[in-house]
Amino acid sequence: MPYMKACHLPRSIKYFRSPLAVDDSKVSKKIIKQLNFKPIKRIACRFNPLLEKTESIRRFCLILSEPKWRTSNANLLVKTNVLSENSPPEVEITYGMLIAYT
């Protein structure tokens, strides 16, 4: 019976979160417009797609596969590793070299 009660609870309780926090269950167009992949050299995602806690990484990989974001940085390498073990999901972001002009 306690499990049935917990199933119907909301994913997050808005009263304990900052009003500036992003809702984890939804990605709005306003947030997507702020994405900038120009300084990023490589993105590596590792996750098990059968686990529920990897939903956000699967959405992130879906966003990266859209041509609109691929054209923002043509040199961006996206590597996705699908794991069969129960290891925690990981996203590794490698930034390119920063050049300082003097």
PDB file of N, CA and C in Angstrom:
ATOM      1  N   MET A   1       0.801  -1.202   0.000  1.00  0.00           N
ATOM      2  CA  MET A   1       0.000   0.000   0.000  1.00  0.00           C
ATOM      3  C   MET A   1       0.850   1.275   0.000  1.00  0.00           C
ATOM      4  N   PRO A   2       1.971   1.344   0.758  1.00  0.00           N
ATOM      5  CA  PRO A   2       2.770   2.567   0.702  1.00  0.00           C
ATOM      6  C   PRO A   2       3.322   2.838  -0.698  1.00  0.00           C
ATOM      7  N   TYR A   3       3.623   1.775  -1.452  1.00  0.00           N
ATOM      8  CA  TYR A   3       4.144   1.972  -2.802  1.00  0.00           C
ATOM      9  C   TYR A   3       3.092   2.617  -3.698  1.00  0.00           C
ATOM     10  N   MET A   4       1.861   2.206  -3.565  1.00  0.00           N
ATOM     11  CA  MET A   4       0.791   2.776  -4.377  1.00  0.00           C
ATOM     12  C   MET A   4       0.620   4.265  -4.080  1.00  0.00           C
ATOM     13  N   LYS A   5       0.780   4.663  -2.831  1.00  0.00           N
ATOM     14  CA  LYS A   5       0.659   6.075  -2.487  1.00  0.00           C
ATOM     15  C   LYS A   5       1.819   6.866  -3.079  1.00  0.00           C
ATOM     16  N   ALA A   6       3.020   6.291  -3.055  1.00  0.00           N
ATOM     17  CA  ALA A   6       4.196   6.989  -3.561  1.00  0.00           C
ATOM     18  C   ALA A   6       4.165   7.132  -5.077  1.00  0.00           C
ATOM     19  N   CYS A   7       3.499   6.242  -5.771  1.00  0.00           N
ATOM     20  CA  CYS A   7       3.429   6.319  -7.235  1.00  0.00           C
ATOM     21  C   CYS A   7       2.688   7.559  -7.708  1.00  0.00           C
ATOM     22  N   HIS A   8       1.737   8.026  -6.947  1.00  0.00           N
ATOM     23  CA  HIS A   8       0.906   9.131  -7.383  1.00  0.00           C
ATOM     24  C   HIS A   8       1.427  10.490  -6.922  1.00  0.00           C
ATOM     25  N   LEU A   9       2.574  10.530  -6.279  1.00  0.00           N
ATOM     26  CA  LEU A   9       3.155  11.802  -5.864  1.00  0.00           C
ATOM     27  C   LEU A   9       3.779  12.502  -7.067  1.00  0.00           C
ATOM     28  N   PRO A  10       3.866  13.834  -7.047  1.00  0.00           N
ATOM     29  CA  PRO A  10       4.529  14.534  -8.153  1.00  0.00           C
ATOM     30  C   PRO A  10       6.021  14.238  -8.153  1.00  0.00           C
ATOM     31  N   ARG A  11       6.657  14.427  -9.307  1.00  0.00           N
ATOM     32  CA  ARG A  11       8.083  14.135  -9.427  1.00  0.00           C
ATOM     33  C   ARG A  11       8.930  15.046  -8.561  1.00  0.00           C
ATOM     34  N   SER A  12       8.532  16.274  -8.397  1.00  0.00           N
ATOM     35  CA  SER A  12       9.266  17.198  -7.544  1.00  0.00           C
ATOM     36  C   SER A  12       8.266  18.090  -6.824  1.00  0.00           C
ATOM     37  N   ILE A  13       8.645  18.482  -5.636  1.00  0.00           N
ATOM     38  CA  ILE A  13       7.779  19.345  -4.841  1.00  0.00           C
ATOM     39  C   ILE A  13       8.270  20.767  -5.038  1.00  0.00           C
ATOM     40  N   LYS A  14       7.450  21.613  -5.625  1.00  0.00           N
ATOM     41  CA  LYS A  14       7.900  22.940  -6.025  1.00  0.00           C
ATOM     42  C   LYS A  14       8.185  23.856  -4.844  1.00  0.00           C
ATOM     43  N   TYR A  15       7.664  23.556  -3.665  1.00  0.00           N
ATOM     44  CA  TYR A  15       7.862  24.440  -2.532  1.00  0.00           C
ATOM     45  C   TYR A  15       9.268  24.337  -1.948  1.00  0.00           C
ATOM     46  N   PHE A  16       9.959  23.248  -2.194  1.00  0.00           N
ATOM     47  CA  PHE A  16      11.303  23.079  -1.664  1.00  0.00           C
ATOM     48  C   PHE A  16      12.376  23.488  -2.661  1.00  0.00           C
ATOM     49  N   ARG A  17      11.984  23.930  -3.827  1.00  0.00           N
ATOM     50  CA  ARG A  17      12.941  24.308  -4.854  1.00  0.00           C
ATOM     51  C   ARG A  17      12.981  25.818  -5.008  1.00  0.00           C
ATOM     52  N   SER A  18      14.092  26.282  -5.459  1.00  0.00           N
ATOM     53  CA  SER A  18      14.229  27.699  -5.747  1.00  0.00           C
ATOM     54  C   SER A  18      13.332  28.060  -6.933  1.00  0.00           C
ATOM     55  N   PRO A  19      12.757  29.257  -6.945  1.00  0.00           N
ATOM     56  CA  PRO A  19      11.935  29.630  -8.105  1.00  0.00           C
ATOM     57  C   PRO A  19      12.753  29.745  -9.386  1.00  0.00           C
ATOM     58  N   LEU A  20      14.070  29.876  -9.269  1.00  0.00           N
ATOM     59  CA  LEU A  20      14.928  29.961 -10.446  1.00  0.00           C
ATOM     60  C   LEU A  20      15.377  28.594 -10.942  1.00  0.00           C
ATOM     61  N   ALA A  21      15.068  27.536 -10.192  1.00  0.00           N
ATOM     62  CA  ALA A  21      15.498  26.195 -10.584  1.00  0.00           C
ATOM     63  C   ALA A  21      14.729  25.729 -11.815  1.00  0.00           C
ATOM     64  N   VAL A  22      15.398  24.900 -12.592  1.00  0.00           N
ATOM     65  CA  VAL A  22      14.792  24.362 -13.809  1.00  0.00           C
ATOM     66  C   VAL A  22      14.047  23.087 -13.457  1.00  0.00           C
ATOM     67  N   ASP A  23      12.852  22.924 -13.999  1.00  0.00           N
ATOM     68  CA  ASP A  23      12.090  21.705 -13.780  1.00  0.00           C
ATOM     69  C   ASP A  23      12.771  20.570 -14.531  1.00  0.00           C
ATOM     70  N   ASP A  24      13.121  19.498 -13.830  1.00  0.00           N
ATOM     71  CA  ASP A  24      13.863  18.399 -14.430  1.00  0.00           C
ATOM     72  C   ASP A  24      13.036  17.590 -15.415  1.00  0.00           C
ATOM     73  N   SER A  25      11.734  17.635 -15.298  1.00  0.00           N
ATOM     74  CA  SER A  25      10.909  16.788 -16.147  1.00  0.00           C
ATOM     75  C   SER A  25      10.560  17.441 -17.479  1.00  0.00           C
ATOM     76  N   LYS A  26      10.832  18.727 -17.639  1.00  0.00           N
ATOM     77  CA  LYS A  26      10.485  19.416 -18.877  1.00  0.00           C
ATOM     78  C   LYS A  26      11.641  20.283 -19.344  1.00  0.00           C
ATOM     79  N   VAL A  27      11.834  20.327 -20.633  1.00  0.00           N
ATOM     80  CA  VAL A  27      12.829  21.211 -21.222  1.00  0.00           C
ATOM     81  C   VAL A  27      12.066  22.213 -22.080  1.00  0.00           C
ATOM     82  N   SER A  28      12.101  23.468 -21.683  1.00  0.00           N
ATOM     83  CA  SER A  28      11.330  24.473 -22.409  1.00  0.00           C
ATOM     84  C   SER A  28      12.148  25.049 -23.563  1.00  0.00           C
ATOM     85  N   LYS A  29      11.472  25.683 -24.494  1.00  0.00           N
ATOM     86  CA  LYS A  29      12.146  26.293 -25.639  1.00  0.00           C
ATOM     87  C   LYS A  29      13.038  27.445 -25.198  1.00  0.00           C
ATOM     88  N   LYS A  30      12.662  28.119 -24.129  1.00  0.00           N
ATOM     89  CA  LYS A  30      13.462  29.236 -23.626  1.00  0.00           C
ATOM     90  C   LYS A  30      14.835  28.751 -23.167  1.00  0.00           C
ATOM     91  N   ILE A  31      14.876  27.596 -22.515  1.00  0.00           N
ATOM     92  CA  ILE A  31      16.145  27.034 -22.052  1.00  0.00           C
ATOM     93  C   ILE A  31      16.971  26.544 -23.230  1.00  0.00           C
ATOM     94  N   ILE A  32      16.320  25.926 -24.198  1.00  0.00           N
ATOM     95  CA  ILE A  32      17.042  25.400 -25.358  1.00  0.00           C
ATOM     96  C   ILE A  32      17.671  26.526 -26.166  1.00  0.00           C
ATOM     97  N   LYS A  33      17.017  27.688 -26.236  1.00  0.00           N
ATOM     98  CA  LYS A  33      17.574  28.815 -26.981  1.00  0.00           C
ATOM     99  C   LYS A  33      18.858  29.339 -26.344  1.00  0.00           C
ATOM    100  N   GLN A  34      19.066  29.066 -25.061  1.00  0.00           N
ATOM    101  CA  GLN A  34      20.254  29.541 -24.367  1.00  0.00           C
ATOM    102  C   GLN A  34      21.450  28.613 -24.543  1.00  0.00           C
ATOM    103  N   LEU A  35      21.255  27.465 -25.165  1.00  0.00           N
ATOM    104  CA  LEU A  35      22.357  26.529 -25.358  1.00  0.00           C
ATOM    105  C   LEU A  35      23.370  27.093 -26.341  1.00  0.00           C
ATOM    106  N   ASN A  36      24.642  26.937 -26.006  1.00  0.00           N
ATOM    107  CA  ASN A  36      25.720  27.397 -26.869  1.00  0.00           C
ATOM    108  C   ASN A  36      26.793  26.319 -26.878  1.00  0.00           C
ATOM    109  N   PHE A  37      26.962  25.648 -28.008  1.00  0.00           N
ATOM    110  CA  PHE A  37      27.930  24.562 -28.110  1.00  0.00           C
ATOM    111  C   PHE A  37      29.244  25.006 -28.738  1.00  0.00           C
ATOM    112  N   LYS A  38      29.434  26.285 -28.985  1.00  0.00           N
ATOM    113  CA  LYS A  38      30.642  26.751 -29.666  1.00  0.00           C
ATOM    114  C   LYS A  38      31.929  26.475 -28.894  1.00  0.00           C
ATOM    115  N   PRO A  39      31.995  26.688 -27.577  1.00  0.00           N
ATOM    116  CA  PRO A  39      33.264  26.418 -26.890  1.00  0.00           C
ATOM    117  C   PRO A  39      33.505  24.944 -26.569  1.00  0.00           C
ATOM    118  N   ILE A  40      32.544  24.069 -26.860  1.00  0.00           N
ATOM    119  CA  ILE A  40      32.656  22.657 -26.487  1.00  0.00           C
ATOM    120  C   ILE A  40      33.305  21.872 -27.612  1.00  0.00           C
ATOM    121  N   LYS A  41      34.257  21.011 -27.237  1.00  0.00           N
ATOM    122  CA  LYS A  41      34.960  20.189 -28.213  1.00  0.00           C
ATOM    123  C   LYS A  41      34.351  18.789 -28.316  1.00  0.00           C
ATOM    124  N   ARG A  42      33.958  18.206 -27.175  1.00  0.00           N
ATOM    125  CA  ARG A  42      33.478  16.820 -27.165  1.00  0.00           C
ATOM    126  C   ARG A  42      32.483  16.623 -26.031  1.00  0.00           C
ATOM    127  N   ILE A  43      31.431  15.835 -26.296  1.00  0.00           N
ATOM    128  CA  ILE A  43      30.457  15.454 -25.277  1.00  0.00           C
ATOM    129  C   ILE A  43      30.345  13.940 -25.302  1.00  0.00           C
ATOM    130  N   ALA A  44      30.568  13.306 -24.151  1.00  0.00           N
ATOM    131  CA  ALA A  44      30.457  11.847 -24.034  1.00  0.00           C
ATOM    132  C   ALA A  44      29.366  11.523 -23.021  1.00  0.00           C
ATOM    133  N   CYS A  45      28.398  10.728 -23.447  1.00  0.00           N
ATOM    134  CA  CYS A  45      27.286  10.316 -22.580  1.00  0.00           C
ATOM    135  C   CYS A  45      27.367   8.816 -22.361  1.00  0.00           C
ATOM    136  N   ARG A  46      27.273   8.395 -21.097  1.00  0.00           N
ATOM    137  CA  ARG A  46      27.259   6.967 -20.753  1.00  0.00           C
ATOM    138  C   ARG A  46      26.043   6.710 -19.881  1.00  0.00           C
ATOM    139  N   PHE A  47      25.196   5.757 -20.309  1.00  0.00           N
ATOM    140  CA  PHE A  47      24.000   5.464 -19.528  1.00  0.00           C
ATOM    141  C   PHE A  47      23.418   4.125 -19.930  1.00  0.00           C
ATOM    142  N   ASN A  48      22.572   3.601 -19.045  1.00  0.00           N
ATOM    143  CA  ASN A  48      21.803   2.396 -19.324  1.00  0.00           C
ATOM    144  C   ASN A  48      20.388   2.853 -19.670  1.00  0.00           C
ATOM    145  N   PRO A  49      19.934   2.674 -20.904  1.00  0.00           N
ATOM    146  CA  PRO A  49      18.630   3.217 -21.295  1.00  0.00           C
ATOM    147  C   PRO A  49      17.442   2.532 -20.633  1.00  0.00           C
ATOM    148  N   LEU A  50      17.659   1.396 -19.992  1.00  0.00           N
ATOM    149  CA  LEU A  50      16.556   0.676 -19.373  1.00  0.00           C
ATOM    150  C   LEU A  50      16.217   1.188 -17.974  1.00  0.00           C
ATOM    151  N   LEU A  51      17.063   2.032 -17.410  1.00  0.00           N
ATOM    152  CA  LEU A  51      16.803   2.581 -16.080  1.00  0.00           C
ATOM    153  C   LEU A  51      15.981   3.861 -16.185  1.00  0.00           C
ATOM    154  N   GLU A  52      15.124   4.094 -15.194  1.00  0.00           N
ATOM    155  CA  GLU A  52      14.271   5.283 -15.205  1.00  0.00           C
ATOM    156  C   GLU A  52      15.050   6.568 -14.956  1.00  0.00           C
ATOM    157  N   LYS A  53      16.135   6.493 -14.203  1.00  0.00           N
ATOM    158  CA  LYS A  53      16.858   7.708 -13.846  1.00  0.00           C
ATOM    159  C   LYS A  53      17.684   8.277 -14.997  1.00  0.00           C
ATOM    160  N   THR A  54      17.685   7.619 -16.147  1.00  0.00           N
ATOM    161  CA  THR A  54      18.436   8.117 -17.298  1.00  0.00           C
ATOM    162  C   THR A  54      17.566   8.881 -18.290  1.00  0.00           C
ATOM    163  N   GLU A  55      16.363   9.221 -17.898  1.00  0.00           N
ATOM    164  CA  GLU A  55      15.450   9.914 -18.814  1.00  0.00           C
ATOM    165  C   GLU A  55      16.000  11.266 -19.251  1.00  0.00           C
ATOM    166  N   SER A  56      16.625  12.003 -18.352  1.00  0.00           N
ATOM    167  CA  SER A  56      17.144  13.322 -18.708  1.00  0.00           C
ATOM    168  C   SER A  56      18.315  13.222 -19.683  1.00  0.00           C
ATOM    169  N   ILE A  57      19.162  12.207 -19.533  1.00  0.00           N
ATOM    170  CA  ILE A  57      20.286  12.042 -20.460  1.00  0.00           C
ATOM    171  C   ILE A  57      19.783  11.616 -21.835  1.00  0.00           C
ATOM    172  N   ARG A  58      18.764  10.783 -21.873  1.00  0.00           N
ATOM    173  CA  ARG A  58      18.184  10.398 -23.169  1.00  0.00           C
ATOM    174  C   ARG A  58      17.605  11.612 -23.880  1.00  0.00           C
ATOM    175  N   ARG A  59      16.962  12.506 -23.132  1.00  0.00           N
ATOM    176  CA  ARG A  59      16.436  13.740 -23.725  1.00  0.00           C
ATOM    177  C   ARG A  59      17.562  14.635 -24.227  1.00  0.00           C
ATOM    178  N   PHE A  60      18.636  14.707 -23.446  1.00  0.00           N
ATOM    179  CA  PHE A  60      19.794  15.515 -23.825  1.00  0.00           C
ATOM    180  C   PHE A  60      20.402  14.994 -25.128  1.00  0.00           C
ATOM    181  N   CYS A  61      20.529  13.677 -25.265  1.00  0.00           N
ATOM    182  CA  CYS A  61      21.056  13.088 -26.504  1.00  0.00           C
ATOM    183  C   CYS A  61      20.120  13.351 -27.676  1.00  0.00           C
ATOM    184  N   LEU A  62      18.836  13.384 -27.420  1.00  0.00           N
ATOM    185  CA  LEU A  62      17.870  13.697 -28.470  1.00  0.00           C
ATOM    186  C   LEU A  62      18.040  15.138 -28.949  1.00  0.00           C
ATOM    187  N   ILE A  63      18.270  16.053 -28.022  1.00  0.00           N
ATOM    188  CA  ILE A  63      18.499  17.452 -28.388  1.00  0.00           C
ATOM    189  C   ILE A  63      19.781  17.581 -29.200  1.00  0.00           C
ATOM    190  N   LEU A  64      20.828  16.853 -28.802  1.00  0.00           N
ATOM    191  CA  LEU A  64      22.095  16.931 -29.526  1.00  0.00           C
ATOM    192  C   LEU A  64      22.003  16.361 -30.935  1.00  0.00           C
ATOM    193  N   SER A  65      21.064  15.476 -31.183  1.00  0.00           N
ATOM    194  CA  SER A  65      20.954  14.873 -32.510  1.00  0.00           C
ATOM    195  C   SER A  65      20.209  15.758 -33.506  1.00  0.00           C
ATOM    196  N   GLU A  66      19.573  16.821 -33.042  1.00  0.00           N
ATOM    197  CA  GLU A  66      18.844  17.707 -33.946  1.00  0.00           C
ATOM    198  C   GLU A  66      19.824  18.530 -34.785  1.00  0.00           C
ATOM    199  N   PRO A  67      19.547  18.716 -36.068  1.00  0.00           N
ATOM    200  CA  PRO A  67      20.475  19.438 -36.951  1.00  0.00           C
ATOM    201  C   PRO A  67      20.695  20.894 -36.552  1.00  0.00           C
ATOM    202  N   LYS A  68      19.718  21.500 -35.902  1.00  0.00           N
ATOM    203  CA  LYS A  68      19.853  22.903 -35.494  1.00  0.00           C
ATOM    204  C   LYS A  68      21.039  23.086 -34.552  1.00  0.00           C
ATOM    205  N   TRP A  69      21.231  22.154 -33.625  1.00  0.00           N
ATOM    206  CA  TRP A  69      22.317  22.282 -32.662  1.00  0.00           C
ATOM    207  C   TRP A  69      23.615  21.736 -33.212  1.00  0.00           C
ATOM    208  N   ARG A  70      23.550  20.819 -34.145  1.00  0.00           N
ATOM    209  CA  ARG A  70      24.765  20.295 -34.769  1.00  0.00           C
ATOM    210  C   ARG A  70      25.424  21.370 -35.632  1.00  0.00           C
ATOM    211  N   THR A  71      24.632  22.264 -36.235  1.00  0.00           N
ATOM    212  CA  THR A  71      25.204  23.318 -37.067  1.00  0.00           C
ATOM    213  C   THR A  71      25.807  24.447 -36.236  1.00  0.00           C
ATOM    214  N   SER A  72      25.472  24.539 -34.950  1.00  0.00           N
ATOM    215  CA  SER A  72      26.047  25.597 -34.119  1.00  0.00           C
ATOM    216  C   SER A  72      27.533  25.371 -33.870  1.00  0.00           C
ATOM    217  N   ASN A  73      27.986  24.113 -33.932  1.00  0.00           N
ATOM    218  CA  ASN A  73      29.409  23.793 -33.816  1.00  0.00           C
ATOM    219  C   ASN A  73      29.664  22.552 -34.668  1.00  0.00           C
ATOM    220  N   ALA A  74      30.218  22.754 -35.848  1.00  0.00           N
ATOM    221  CA  ALA A  74      30.434  21.640 -36.781  1.00  0.00           C
ATOM    222  C   ALA A  74      31.514  20.685 -36.291  1.00  0.00           C
ATOM    223  N   ASN A  75      32.411  21.137 -35.430  1.00  0.00           N
ATOM    224  CA  ASN A  75      33.509  20.298 -34.937  1.00  0.00           C
ATOM    225  C   ASN A  75      33.162  19.541 -33.661  1.00  0.00           C
ATOM    226  N   LEU A  76      31.951  19.652 -33.188  1.00  0.00           N
ATOM    227  CA  LEU A  76      31.535  18.996 -31.948  1.00  0.00           C
ATOM    228  C   LEU A  76      31.431  17.485 -32.151  1.00  0.00           C
ATOM    229  N   LEU A  77      32.123  16.729 -31.299  1.00  0.00           N
ATOM    230  CA  LEU A  77      32.046  15.271 -31.325  1.00  0.00           C
ATOM    231  C   LEU A  77      31.100  14.815 -30.225  1.00  0.00           C
ATOM    232  N   VAL A  78      30.112  14.026 -30.586  1.00  0.00           N
ATOM    233  CA  VAL A  78      29.154  13.494 -29.616  1.00  0.00           C
ATOM    234  C   VAL A  78      29.318  11.988 -29.585  1.00  0.00           C
ATOM    235  N   LYS A  79      29.702  11.469 -28.432  1.00  0.00           N
ATOM    236  CA  LYS A  79      29.919  10.033 -28.251  1.00  0.00           C
ATOM    237  C   LYS A  79      28.899   9.523 -27.245  1.00  0.00           C
ATOM    238  N   THR A  80      28.127   8.513 -27.635  1.00  0.00           N
ATOM    239  CA  THR A  80      27.124   7.926 -26.752  1.00  0.00           C
ATOM    240  C   THR A  80      27.474   6.472 -26.509  1.00  0.00           C
ATOM    241  N   ASN A  81      27.670   6.109 -25.249  1.00  0.00           N
ATOM    242  CA  ASN A  81      27.941   4.725 -24.863  1.00  0.00           C
ATOM    243  C   ASN A  81      26.730   4.186 -24.122  1.00  0.00           C
ATOM    244  N   VAL A  82      26.149   3.141 -24.678  1.00  0.00           N
ATOM    245  CA  VAL A  82      25.012   2.488 -24.038  1.00  0.00           C
ATOM    246  C   VAL A  82      25.559   1.339 -23.202  1.00  0.00           C
ATOM    247  N   LEU A  83      25.308   1.386 -21.899  1.00  0.00           N
ATOM    248  CA  LEU A  83      25.834   0.395 -20.969  1.00  0.00           C
ATOM    249  C   LEU A  83      24.768  -0.632 -20.626  1.00  0.00           C
ATOM    250  N   SER A  84      25.216  -1.832 -20.286  1.00  0.00           N
ATOM    251  CA  SER A  84      24.271  -2.872 -19.874  1.00  0.00           C
ATOM    252  C   SER A  84      24.302  -3.105 -18.370  1.00  0.00           C
ATOM    253  N   GLU A  85      25.160  -2.408 -17.675  1.00  0.00           N
ATOM    254  CA  GLU A  85      25.268  -2.576 -16.223  1.00  0.00           C
ATOM    255  C   GLU A  85      24.501  -1.462 -15.517  1.00  0.00           C
ATOM    256  N   ASN A  86      24.388  -1.558 -14.229  1.00  0.00           N
ATOM    257  CA  ASN A  86      23.633  -0.577 -13.447  1.00  0.00           C
ATOM    258  C   ASN A  86      24.527   0.527 -12.907  1.00  0.00           C
ATOM    259  N   SER A  87      25.458   1.005 -13.690  1.00  0.00           N
ATOM    260  CA  SER A  87      26.314   2.102 -13.259  1.00  0.00           C
ATOM    261  C   SER A  87      25.554   3.425 -13.402  1.00  0.00           C
ATOM    262  N   PRO A  88      25.932   4.426 -12.626  1.00  0.00           N
ATOM    263  CA  PRO A  88      25.214   5.706 -12.708  1.00  0.00           C
ATOM    264  C   PRO A  88      25.462   6.392 -14.050  1.00  0.00           C
ATOM    265  N   PRO A  89      24.497   7.151 -14.529  1.00  0.00           N
ATOM    266  CA  PRO A  89      24.674   7.847 -15.808  1.00  0.00           C
ATOM    267  C   PRO A  89      25.696   8.972 -15.689  1.00  0.00           C
ATOM    268  N   GLU A  90      26.437   9.206 -16.772  1.00  0.00           N
ATOM    269  CA  GLU A  90      27.481  10.229 -16.772  1.00  0.00           C
ATOM    270  C   GLU A  90      27.434  11.022 -18.067  1.00  0.00           C
ATOM    271  N   VAL A  91      27.706  12.309 -17.956  1.00  0.00           N
ATOM    272  CA  VAL A  91      27.895  13.172 -19.118  1.00  0.00           C
ATOM    273  C   VAL A  91      29.230  13.865 -18.925  1.00  0.00           C
ATOM    274  N   GLU A  92      30.139  13.666 -19.864  1.00  0.00           N
ATOM    275  CA  GLU A  92      31.469  14.265 -19.794  1.00  0.00           C
ATOM    276  C   GLU A  92      31.579  15.304 -20.901  1.00  0.00           C
ATOM    277  N   ILE A  93      31.864  16.538 -20.527  1.00  0.00           N
ATOM    278  CA  ILE A  93      31.978  17.635 -21.485  1.00  0.00           C
ATOM    279  C   ILE A  93      33.418  18.112 -21.499  1.00  0.00           C
ATOM    280  N   THR A  94      34.022  18.107 -22.685  1.00  0.00           N
ATOM    281  CA  THR A  94      35.398  18.559 -22.856  1.00  0.00           C
ATOM    282  C   THR A  94      35.371  19.868 -23.636  1.00  0.00           C
ATOM    283  N   TYR A  95      35.977  20.877 -23.062  1.00  0.00           N
ATOM    284  CA  TYR A  95      36.026  22.178 -23.721  1.00  0.00           C
ATOM    285  C   TYR A  95      37.281  22.270 -24.566  1.00  0.00           C
ATOM    286  N   GLY A  96      37.221  23.058 -25.632  1.00  0.00           N
ATOM    287  CA  GLY A  96      38.363  23.258 -26.514  1.00  0.00           C
ATOM    288  C   GLY A  96      39.372  24.193 -25.882  1.00  0.00           C
ATOM    289  N   MET A  97      40.438  24.437 -26.611  1.00  0.00           N
ATOM    290  CA  MET A  97      41.480  25.326 -26.112  1.00  0.00           C
ATOM    291  C   MET A  97      40.974  26.761 -26.108  1.00  0.00           C
ATOM    292  N   LEU A  98      41.292  27.464 -25.047  1.00  0.00           N
ATOM    293  CA  LEU A  98      40.945  28.875 -24.960  1.00  0.00           C
ATOM    294  C   LEU A  98      42.145  29.693 -25.415  1.00  0.00           C
ATOM    295  N   ILE A  99      41.932  30.592 -26.328  1.00  0.00           N
ATOM    296  CA  ILE A  99      43.012  31.421 -26.856  1.00  0.00           C
ATOM    297  C   ILE A  99      42.795  32.838 -26.344  1.00  0.00           C
ATOM    298  N   ALA A 100      43.812  33.345 -25.661  1.00  0.00           N
ATOM    299  CA  ALA A 100      43.729  34.706 -25.139  1.00  0.00           C
ATOM    300  C   ALA A 100      44.495  35.634 -26.074  1.00  0.00           C
ATOM    301  N   TYR A 101      43.858  36.681 -26.508  1.00  0.00           N
ATOM    302  CA  TYR A 101      44.498  37.665 -27.382  1.00  0.00           C
ATOM    303  C   TYR A 101      45.051  38.791 -26.525  1.00  0.00           C
ATOM    304  N   THR A 102      46.301  39.135 -26.779  1.00  0.00           N
ATOM    305  CA  THR A 102      46.917  40.229 -26.015  1.00  0.00           C
ATOM    306  C   THR A 102      47.329  41.348 -26.923  1.00  0.00           C
TER     307      THR A 102
END
